[in-house]
């Protein structure tokens, strides 16, 4: 079984509250996965990369810890 490093809970809390440095930490944490997902025909598709980052940021701001969906 492979254990992945997780984004610290405190960072997630700060990111969901809109703290720019915390959002950047989350993006940095997932940067390799984002680049891998955006890789097409031998190169990174910048539009795809930007779209994935935007969807991640949107998901952060919609995330609720109380179990209530937005």
C-alpha atoms as a PDB file:
ATOM      1  CA  UNK A   1       0.000   0.000   0.000  1.00  0.00           C
ATOM      2  CA  UNK A   2       1.290   3.431  -0.961  1.00  0.00           C
ATOM      3  CA  UNK A   3       0.936   6.309   1.498  1.00  0.00           C
ATOM      4  CA  UNK A   4       0.527   9.781   0.011  1.00  0.00           C
ATOM      5  CA  UNK A   5       1.492  12.993   1.705  1.00  0.00           C
ATOM      6  CA  UNK A   6      -1.620  14.936   2.550  1.00  0.00           C
ATOM      7  CA  UNK A   7      -2.193  18.660   2.579  1.00  0.00           C
ATOM      8  CA  UNK A   8      -2.237  19.686   6.257  1.00  0.00           C
ATOM      9  CA  UNK A   9      -5.718  20.204   7.693  1.00  0.00           C
ATOM     10  CA  UNK A  10      -4.859  23.745   8.765  1.00  0.00           C
ATOM     11  CA  UNK A  11      -3.846  24.597   5.194  1.00  0.00           C
ATOM     12  CA  UNK A  12      -7.171  23.307   3.871  1.00  0.00           C
ATOM     13  CA  UNK A  13      -9.047  25.413   6.432  1.00  0.00           C
ATOM     14  CA  UNK A  14      -7.080  28.519   5.465  1.00  0.00           C
ATOM     15  CA  UNK A  15      -7.545  27.815   1.741  1.00  0.00           C
ATOM     16  CA  UNK A  16     -11.309  27.362   2.069  1.00  0.00           C
ATOM     17  CA  UNK A  17     -11.380  30.725   3.846  1.00  0.00           C
ATOM     18  CA  UNK A  18      -9.717  32.326   0.820  1.00  0.00           C
ATOM     19  CA  UNK A  19      -6.189  32.863   2.121  1.00  0.00           C
ATOM     20  CA  UNK A  20      -4.075  33.248  -1.059  1.00  0.00           C
ATOM     21  CA  UNK A  21      -0.937  31.674   0.413  1.00  0.00           C
ATOM     22  CA  UNK A  22      -2.875  28.571   1.474  1.00  0.00           C
ATOM     23  CA  UNK A  23      -4.533  28.251  -1.938  1.00  0.00           C
ATOM     24  CA  UNK A  24      -1.070  28.444  -3.510  1.00  0.00           C
ATOM     25  CA  UNK A  25       0.153  25.711  -1.140  1.00  0.00           C
ATOM     26  CA  UNK A  26      -2.690  23.430  -2.262  1.00  0.00           C
ATOM     27  CA  UNK A  27      -1.946  24.132  -5.936  1.00  0.00           C
ATOM     28  CA  UNK A  28       1.733  23.466  -5.350  1.00  0.00           C
ATOM     29  CA  UNK A  29       0.945  20.213  -3.540  1.00  0.00           C
ATOM     30  CA  UNK A  30      -1.030  18.941  -6.538  1.00  0.00           C
ATOM     31  CA  UNK A  31       1.172  20.486  -9.253  1.00  0.00           C
ATOM     32  CA  UNK A  32       2.627  17.179 -10.500  1.00  0.00           C
ATOM     33  CA  UNK A  33      -0.808  15.573 -10.758  1.00  0.00           C
ATOM     34  CA  UNK A  34      -2.163  18.642 -12.557  1.00  0.00           C
ATOM     35  CA  UNK A  35       0.689  18.606 -15.067  1.00  0.00           C
ATOM     36  CA  UNK A  36       0.249  14.868 -15.651  1.00  0.00           C
ATOM     37  CA  UNK A  37      -3.487  15.332 -16.275  1.00  0.00           C
ATOM     38  CA  UNK A  38      -2.814  18.238 -18.674  1.00  0.00           C
ATOM     39  CA  UNK A  39      -0.211  16.299 -20.690  1.00  0.00           C
ATOM     40  CA  UNK A  40      -1.384  15.806 -24.296  1.00  0.00           C
ATOM     41  CA  UNK A  41       0.476  14.753 -27.432  1.00  0.00           C
ATOM     42  CA  UNK A  42       3.908  15.126 -25.877  1.00  0.00           C
ATOM     43  CA  UNK A  43       3.395  18.472 -24.173  1.00  0.00           C
ATOM     44  CA  UNK A  44       1.444  20.158 -21.387  1.00  0.00           C
ATOM     45  CA  UNK A  45      -1.725  21.809 -22.646  1.00  0.00           C
ATOM     46  CA  UNK A  46      -1.730  25.168 -20.849  1.00  0.00           C
ATOM     47  CA  UNK A  47      -5.483  25.655 -21.279  1.00  0.00           C
ATOM     48  CA  UNK A  48      -6.160  22.267 -19.693  1.00  0.00           C
ATOM     49  CA  UNK A  49      -3.731  23.025 -16.866  1.00  0.00           C
ATOM     50  CA  UNK A  50      -5.441  26.367 -16.187  1.00  0.00           C
ATOM     51  CA  UNK A  51      -8.870  24.718 -16.269  1.00  0.00           C
ATOM     52  CA  UNK A  52      -7.843  22.060 -13.747  1.00  0.00           C
ATOM     53  CA  UNK A  53      -6.371  24.698 -11.422  1.00  0.00           C
ATOM     54  CA  UNK A  54      -9.517  26.817 -11.673  1.00  0.00           C
ATOM     55  CA  UNK A  55     -11.746  23.828 -10.886  1.00  0.00           C
ATOM     56  CA  UNK A  56      -9.587  22.976  -7.859  1.00  0.00           C
ATOM     57  CA  UNK A  57      -9.810  26.544  -6.559  1.00  0.00           C
ATOM     58  CA  UNK A  58     -13.578  26.584  -7.134  1.00  0.00           C
ATOM     59  CA  UNK A  59     -13.916  23.298  -5.228  1.00  0.00           C
ATOM     60  CA  UNK A  60     -11.886  24.709  -2.325  1.00  0.00           C
ATOM     61  CA  UNK A  61     -14.202  27.689  -1.987  1.00  0.00           C
ATOM     62  CA  UNK A  62     -17.306  25.468  -2.136  1.00  0.00           C
ATOM     63  CA  UNK A  63     -16.044  22.941   0.417  1.00  0.00           C
ATOM     64  CA  UNK A  64     -17.845  22.898   3.759  1.00  0.00           C
ATOM     65  CA  UNK A  65     -16.675  21.091   6.877  1.00  0.00           C
ATOM     66  CA  UNK A  66     -20.137  20.907   8.445  1.00  0.00           C
ATOM     67  CA  UNK A  67     -21.407  18.347   5.913  1.00  0.00           C
ATOM     68  CA  UNK A  68     -23.691  20.858   4.222  1.00  0.00           C
ATOM     69  CA  UNK A  69     -23.418  21.143   0.444  1.00  0.00           C
ATOM     70  CA  UNK A  70     -23.511  24.553  -1.214  1.00  0.00           C
END
